[in-house]
Amino acid sequence: MFFHIEERRAWLRTHTHTIVLDRDPEFARFSRETNGRLQRMLRIWLAEPRGARPHLKAYLGTVSCLAGGPPFQELRRLFRLASKAAIEAGEPAGALRRRLAQTLRRYTGQPAGPASHAG
């Protein structure tokens, strides 16, 4: 098992609750506007290798990559879902959480602390 990660970008304007995803045709126009901000998001699945394309087993969630790292609540939810998926797949939950923390560190360059707290 491994983590399949899809990286997406979004343009956000918080005071109007506007979100434009990178797959939207208007994203290029919005991304140039200064009254919002660009944000990276990581969509994470637990997957198994199967030929050229991975077999996605369980969707674990999306975490935002902010300047200070992903928000604690998002990480906590992600690690809790990883534990549940590990048990369902017959893998040790602690080992899977550690691998997830290492994977997130590579993507974000930030410590992924809740791995030891999720359960």
N, C-alpha and C. Protein backbone atom coordinates (compact mmCIF):
# COMPACT_ATOMS: atom_id res chain seq x y z
N MET A 1 0.83 -1.18 0.00
CA MET A 1 0.00 0.00 0.00
C MET A 1 0.88 1.24 0.00
N PHE A 2 0.36 2.28 -0.63
CA PHE A 2 1.06 3.55 -0.66
C PHE A 2 0.03 4.67 -0.68
N PHE A 3 0.51 5.90 -0.60
CA PHE A 3 -0.37 7.06 -0.62
C PHE A 3 -0.33 7.68 -2.00
N HIS A 4 -1.48 7.75 -2.62
CA HIS A 4 -1.61 8.43 -3.91
C HIS A 4 -2.03 9.85 -3.59
N ILE A 5 -1.24 10.84 -4.04
CA ILE A 5 -1.52 12.23 -3.70
C ILE A 5 -1.71 13.03 -4.98
N GLU A 6 -2.82 13.74 -5.01
CA GLU A 6 -3.13 14.64 -6.12
C GLU A 6 -2.99 16.05 -5.60
N GLU A 7 -2.10 16.80 -6.19
CA GLU A 7 -1.88 18.18 -5.74
C GLU A 7 -2.74 19.11 -6.59
N ARG A 8 -3.50 19.97 -5.94
CA ARG A 8 -4.37 20.93 -6.62
C ARG A 8 -4.04 22.32 -6.10
N ARG A 9 -4.44 23.32 -6.84
CA ARG A 9 -4.31 24.70 -6.39
C ARG A 9 -5.68 25.36 -6.46
N ALA A 10 -5.88 26.33 -5.60
CA ALA A 10 -7.13 27.08 -5.58
C ALA A 10 -6.81 28.54 -5.29
N TRP A 11 -7.63 29.41 -5.84
CA TRP A 11 -7.56 30.83 -5.54
C TRP A 11 -8.70 31.11 -4.57
N LEU A 12 -8.40 31.77 -3.45
CA LEU A 12 -9.39 32.02 -2.40
C LEU A 12 -9.53 33.50 -2.12
N ARG A 13 -10.77 33.93 -1.95
CA ARG A 13 -11.06 35.27 -1.44
C ARG A 13 -11.97 35.03 -0.24
N THR A 14 -11.41 35.16 0.96
CA THR A 14 -12.13 34.77 2.16
C THR A 14 -13.32 35.67 2.49
N HIS A 15 -13.21 36.97 2.25
CA HIS A 15 -14.31 37.85 2.67
C HIS A 15 -15.57 37.66 1.83
N THR A 16 -15.47 37.05 0.64
CA THR A 16 -16.66 36.76 -0.16
C THR A 16 -16.91 35.25 -0.28
N HIS A 17 -16.06 34.45 0.36
CA HIS A 17 -16.18 32.99 0.32
C HIS A 17 -16.09 32.46 -1.11
N THR A 18 -15.20 33.04 -1.91
CA THR A 18 -15.02 32.64 -3.30
C THR A 18 -13.83 31.69 -3.40
N ILE A 19 -14.06 30.55 -4.05
CA ILE A 19 -13.00 29.58 -4.29
C ILE A 19 -13.04 29.21 -5.78
N VAL A 20 -11.90 29.32 -6.44
CA VAL A 20 -11.80 28.93 -7.84
C VAL A 20 -10.69 27.89 -7.94
N LEU A 21 -11.03 26.67 -8.32
CA LEU A 21 -10.06 25.58 -8.42
C LEU A 21 -9.27 25.67 -9.72
N ASP A 22 -8.08 25.09 -9.73
CA ASP A 22 -7.19 25.18 -10.89
C ASP A 22 -7.75 24.52 -12.15
N ARG A 23 -8.72 23.66 -12.03
CA ARG A 23 -9.32 23.05 -13.23
C ARG A 23 -10.42 23.92 -13.85
N ASP A 24 -10.79 25.01 -13.17
CA ASP A 24 -11.79 25.94 -13.68
C ASP A 24 -11.16 26.79 -14.79
N PRO A 25 -11.87 27.00 -15.89
CA PRO A 25 -11.31 27.82 -16.98
C PRO A 25 -10.96 29.24 -16.55
N GLU A 26 -11.59 29.77 -15.52
CA GLU A 26 -11.34 31.14 -15.06
C GLU A 26 -10.19 31.23 -14.06
N PHE A 27 -9.56 30.10 -13.73
CA PHE A 27 -8.51 30.11 -12.70
C PHE A 27 -7.36 31.05 -13.06
N ALA A 28 -6.91 31.02 -14.30
CA ALA A 28 -5.79 31.88 -14.71
C ALA A 28 -6.11 33.35 -14.46
N ARG A 29 -7.31 33.78 -14.78
CA ARG A 29 -7.71 35.18 -14.57
C ARG A 29 -7.75 35.50 -13.07
N PHE A 30 -8.38 34.65 -12.28
CA PHE A 30 -8.48 34.90 -10.84
C PHE A 30 -7.12 34.85 -10.16
N SER A 31 -6.25 33.96 -10.59
CA SER A 31 -4.95 33.82 -9.92
C SER A 31 -4.09 35.07 -10.03
N ARG A 32 -4.40 35.94 -10.98
CA ARG A 32 -3.66 37.21 -11.12
C ARG A 32 -4.23 38.31 -10.23
N GLU A 33 -5.41 38.11 -9.68
CA GLU A 33 -6.03 39.14 -8.84
C GLU A 33 -5.35 39.17 -7.48
N THR A 34 -5.15 40.37 -6.97
CA THR A 34 -4.42 40.53 -5.70
C THR A 34 -5.33 40.55 -4.48
N ASN A 35 -6.64 40.51 -4.68
CA ASN A 35 -7.55 40.54 -3.53
C ASN A 35 -7.91 39.13 -3.05
N GLY A 36 -7.13 38.17 -3.45
CA GLY A 36 -7.27 36.79 -2.99
C GLY A 36 -5.89 36.18 -2.84
N ARG A 37 -5.85 34.88 -2.55
CA ARG A 37 -4.54 34.22 -2.40
C ARG A 37 -4.61 32.83 -3.01
N LEU A 38 -3.46 32.36 -3.45
CA LEU A 38 -3.34 31.01 -3.98
C LEU A 38 -3.03 30.04 -2.85
N GLN A 39 -3.61 28.88 -2.92
CA GLN A 39 -3.38 27.87 -1.88
C GLN A 39 -3.21 26.51 -2.54
N ARG A 40 -2.24 25.74 -2.07
CA ARG A 40 -2.04 24.36 -2.50
C ARG A 40 -2.87 23.45 -1.62
N MET A 41 -3.42 22.41 -2.23
CA MET A 41 -4.17 21.40 -1.48
C MET A 41 -3.69 20.03 -1.93
N LEU A 42 -3.60 19.12 -0.99
CA LEU A 42 -3.20 17.75 -1.27
C LEU A 42 -4.39 16.84 -1.00
N ARG A 43 -4.86 16.14 -2.04
CA ARG A 43 -5.94 15.16 -1.90
C ARG A 43 -5.26 13.80 -1.78
N ILE A 44 -5.57 13.06 -0.72
CA ILE A 44 -4.79 11.87 -0.38
C ILE A 44 -5.67 10.62 -0.34
N TRP A 45 -5.20 9.58 -1.02
CA TRP A 45 -5.86 8.27 -1.03
C TRP A 45 -4.87 7.21 -0.57
N LEU A 46 -5.37 6.17 0.01
CA LEU A 46 -4.59 4.96 0.26
C LEU A 46 -4.80 4.11 -0.99
N ALA A 47 -3.71 3.61 -1.56
CA ALA A 47 -3.81 2.92 -2.84
C ALA A 47 -2.91 1.69 -2.86
N GLU A 48 -3.19 0.82 -3.83
CA GLU A 48 -2.35 -0.35 -4.10
C GLU A 48 -1.84 -0.25 -5.52
N PRO A 49 -0.60 -0.68 -5.76
CA PRO A 49 -0.11 -0.67 -7.14
C PRO A 49 -0.88 -1.70 -7.97
N ARG A 50 -1.24 -1.30 -9.16
CA ARG A 50 -1.95 -2.22 -10.05
C ARG A 50 -1.72 -1.75 -11.48
N GLY A 51 -0.69 -2.28 -12.11
CA GLY A 51 -0.39 -1.89 -13.48
C GLY A 51 0.08 -0.46 -13.57
N ALA A 52 -0.35 0.20 -14.63
CA ALA A 52 0.08 1.58 -14.87
C ALA A 52 -0.63 2.57 -13.96
N ARG A 53 -1.83 2.24 -13.52
CA ARG A 53 -2.60 3.16 -12.67
C ARG A 53 -2.82 2.53 -11.30
N PRO A 54 -2.71 3.33 -10.24
CA PRO A 54 -2.93 2.77 -8.90
C PRO A 54 -4.41 2.43 -8.67
N HIS A 55 -4.63 1.43 -7.85
CA HIS A 55 -5.99 1.08 -7.43
C HIS A 55 -6.25 1.83 -6.13
N LEU A 56 -7.16 2.80 -6.18
CA LEU A 56 -7.46 3.63 -5.01
C LEU A 56 -8.36 2.85 -4.06
N LYS A 57 -7.90 2.65 -2.83
CA LYS A 57 -8.63 1.86 -1.84
C LYS A 57 -9.51 2.72 -0.94
N ALA A 58 -8.97 3.82 -0.43
CA ALA A 58 -9.72 4.65 0.52
C ALA A 58 -9.30 6.10 0.38
N TYR A 59 -10.29 6.99 0.28
CA TYR A 59 -10.01 8.42 0.26
C TYR A 59 -9.82 8.87 1.71
N LEU A 60 -8.66 9.48 1.98
CA LEU A 60 -8.36 9.91 3.35
C LEU A 60 -8.70 11.37 3.60
N GLY A 61 -8.70 12.18 2.56
CA GLY A 61 -9.08 13.57 2.75
C GLY A 61 -8.16 14.53 2.04
N THR A 62 -8.40 15.80 2.28
CA THR A 62 -7.63 16.88 1.68
C THR A 62 -7.03 17.73 2.78
N VAL A 63 -5.77 18.10 2.61
CA VAL A 63 -5.13 19.03 3.55
C VAL A 63 -4.66 20.25 2.77
N SER A 64 -4.79 21.41 3.39
CA SER A 64 -4.33 22.67 2.82
C SER A 64 -2.87 22.88 3.19
N CYS A 65 -2.11 23.37 2.27
CA CYS A 65 -0.69 23.65 2.54
C CYS A 65 -0.55 25.15 2.77
N LEU A 66 -0.64 25.55 4.01
CA LEU A 66 -0.50 26.95 4.39
C LEU A 66 0.96 27.24 4.70
N ALA A 67 1.29 28.50 4.90
CA ALA A 67 2.67 28.89 5.17
C ALA A 67 3.24 28.19 6.40
N GLY A 68 2.43 27.98 7.41
CA GLY A 68 2.89 27.32 8.63
C GLY A 68 2.68 25.82 8.61
N GLY A 69 2.34 25.27 7.47
CA GLY A 69 2.05 23.84 7.38
C GLY A 69 0.55 23.60 7.40
N PRO A 70 0.14 22.37 7.21
CA PRO A 70 -1.30 22.06 7.21
C PRO A 70 -1.91 22.33 8.59
N PRO A 71 -3.16 22.80 8.62
CA PRO A 71 -3.84 23.04 9.91
C PRO A 71 -3.95 21.75 10.73
N PHE A 72 -3.79 21.88 12.03
CA PHE A 72 -3.80 20.73 12.93
C PHE A 72 -5.08 19.90 12.79
N GLN A 73 -6.23 20.57 12.70
CA GLN A 73 -7.51 19.84 12.61
C GLN A 73 -7.56 18.97 11.35
N GLU A 74 -7.05 19.49 10.23
CA GLU A 74 -7.03 18.71 9.00
C GLU A 74 -6.12 17.50 9.14
N LEU A 75 -4.96 17.71 9.77
CA LEU A 75 -4.04 16.59 9.97
C LEU A 75 -4.64 15.54 10.90
N ARG A 76 -5.28 15.99 11.96
CA ARG A 76 -5.87 15.05 12.91
C ARG A 76 -6.93 14.18 12.22
N ARG A 77 -7.78 14.81 11.42
CA ARG A 77 -8.81 14.06 10.68
C ARG A 77 -8.16 13.09 9.70
N LEU A 78 -7.12 13.54 8.99
CA LEU A 78 -6.43 12.70 8.03
C LEU A 78 -5.80 11.48 8.69
N PHE A 79 -5.14 11.67 9.83
CA PHE A 79 -4.48 10.55 10.51
C PHE A 79 -5.51 9.60 11.13
N ARG A 80 -6.63 10.14 11.57
CA ARG A 80 -7.69 9.28 12.10
C ARG A 80 -8.26 8.39 10.99
N LEU A 81 -8.49 8.97 9.81
CA LEU A 81 -9.00 8.18 8.69
C LEU A 81 -7.95 7.18 8.19
N ALA A 82 -6.67 7.55 8.27
CA ALA A 82 -5.61 6.62 7.88
C ALA A 82 -5.59 5.42 8.83
N SER A 83 -5.79 5.65 10.10
CA SER A 83 -5.84 4.54 11.07
C SER A 83 -6.99 3.60 10.76
N LYS A 84 -8.14 4.17 10.48
CA LYS A 84 -9.31 3.35 10.15
C LYS A 84 -9.07 2.54 8.87
N ALA A 85 -8.50 3.17 7.84
CA ALA A 85 -8.23 2.48 6.58
C ALA A 85 -7.18 1.38 6.78
N ALA A 86 -6.20 1.62 7.63
CA ALA A 86 -5.16 0.61 7.89
C ALA A 86 -5.78 -0.62 8.53
N ILE A 87 -6.63 -0.43 9.51
CA ILE A 87 -7.28 -1.55 10.19
C ILE A 87 -8.11 -2.34 9.20
N GLU A 88 -8.87 -1.64 8.34
CA GLU A 88 -9.69 -2.32 7.34
C GLU A 88 -8.84 -3.08 6.32
N ALA A 89 -7.63 -2.58 6.05
CA ALA A 89 -6.74 -3.24 5.09
C ALA A 89 -5.86 -4.30 5.75
N GLY A 90 -5.97 -4.45 7.09
CA GLY A 90 -5.17 -5.44 7.79
C GLY A 90 -3.72 -5.03 7.99
N GLU A 91 -3.45 -3.74 8.01
CA GLU A 91 -2.10 -3.23 8.23
C GLU A 91 -2.02 -2.58 9.61
N PRO A 92 -0.84 -2.54 10.21
CA PRO A 92 -0.69 -1.85 11.50
C PRO A 92 -0.92 -0.35 11.34
N ALA A 93 -1.84 0.20 12.12
CA ALA A 93 -2.21 1.61 12.00
C ALA A 93 -1.04 2.53 12.29
N GLY A 94 -0.25 2.22 13.31
CA GLY A 94 0.89 3.08 13.66
C GLY A 94 1.91 3.18 12.54
N ALA A 95 2.20 2.08 11.89
CA ALA A 95 3.17 2.08 10.80
C ALA A 95 2.64 2.90 9.62
N LEU A 96 1.36 2.76 9.33
CA LEU A 96 0.78 3.51 8.22
C LEU A 96 0.77 5.01 8.53
N ARG A 97 0.46 5.38 9.76
CA ARG A 97 0.49 6.80 10.15
C ARG A 97 1.90 7.37 10.03
N ARG A 98 2.90 6.59 10.43
CA ARG A 98 4.29 7.07 10.31
C ARG A 98 4.66 7.29 8.85
N ARG A 99 4.25 6.37 7.98
CA ARG A 99 4.53 6.53 6.54
C ARG A 99 3.81 7.75 5.99
N LEU A 100 2.58 7.98 6.46
CA LEU A 100 1.84 9.16 6.03
C LEU A 100 2.54 10.44 6.48
N ALA A 101 3.01 10.46 7.71
CA ALA A 101 3.73 11.64 8.22
C ALA A 101 4.98 11.91 7.39
N GLN A 102 5.74 10.87 7.06
CA GLN A 102 6.93 11.04 6.23
C GLN A 102 6.57 11.57 4.84
N THR A 103 5.50 11.04 4.27
CA THR A 103 5.06 11.48 2.95
C THR A 103 4.66 12.95 2.98
N LEU A 104 3.90 13.34 4.00
CA LEU A 104 3.48 14.74 4.11
C LEU A 104 4.67 15.67 4.32
N ARG A 105 5.65 15.23 5.07
CA ARG A 105 6.86 16.07 5.27
C ARG A 105 7.55 16.34 3.94
N ARG A 106 7.60 15.33 3.08
CA ARG A 106 8.23 15.52 1.77
C ARG A 106 7.45 16.52 0.92
N TYR A 107 6.14 16.48 0.98
CA TYR A 107 5.31 17.37 0.18
C TYR A 107 5.27 18.79 0.72
N THR A 108 5.26 18.95 2.02
CA THR A 108 5.06 20.27 2.61
C THR A 108 6.33 20.91 3.15
N GLY A 109 7.35 20.10 3.42
CA GLY A 109 8.55 20.64 4.04
C GLY A 109 8.32 21.03 5.50
N GLN A 110 7.21 20.56 6.08
CA GLN A 110 6.83 20.89 7.45
C GLN A 110 6.74 19.61 8.28
N PRO A 111 6.91 19.72 9.59
CA PRO A 111 6.66 18.55 10.43
C PRO A 111 5.18 18.19 10.41
N ALA A 112 4.88 16.92 10.42
CA ALA A 112 3.48 16.45 10.45
C ALA A 112 3.24 15.80 11.79
N GLY A 113 3.03 16.61 12.80
CA GLY A 113 3.01 16.17 14.19
C GLY A 113 1.94 15.22 14.65
N PRO A 114 0.70 15.30 14.22
CA PRO A 114 -0.36 14.50 14.83
C PRO A 114 -0.25 13.00 14.62
N ALA A 115 0.73 12.52 13.89
CA ALA A 115 0.83 11.08 13.66
C ALA A 115 0.88 10.31 14.96
N SER A 116 1.54 10.85 15.95
CA SER A 116 1.64 10.13 17.21
C SER A 116 0.41 10.30 18.08
N HIS A 117 -0.48 11.24 17.71
CA HIS A 117 -1.66 11.51 18.51
C HIS A 117 -2.93 10.92 17.92
N ALA A 118 -2.90 10.58 16.62
CA ALA A 118 -4.13 10.09 15.97
C ALA A 118 -4.45 8.71 16.48
N GLY A 119 -5.71 8.40 16.48
CA GLY A 119 -6.06 7.08 16.94
C GLY A 119 -7.35 6.68 16.53
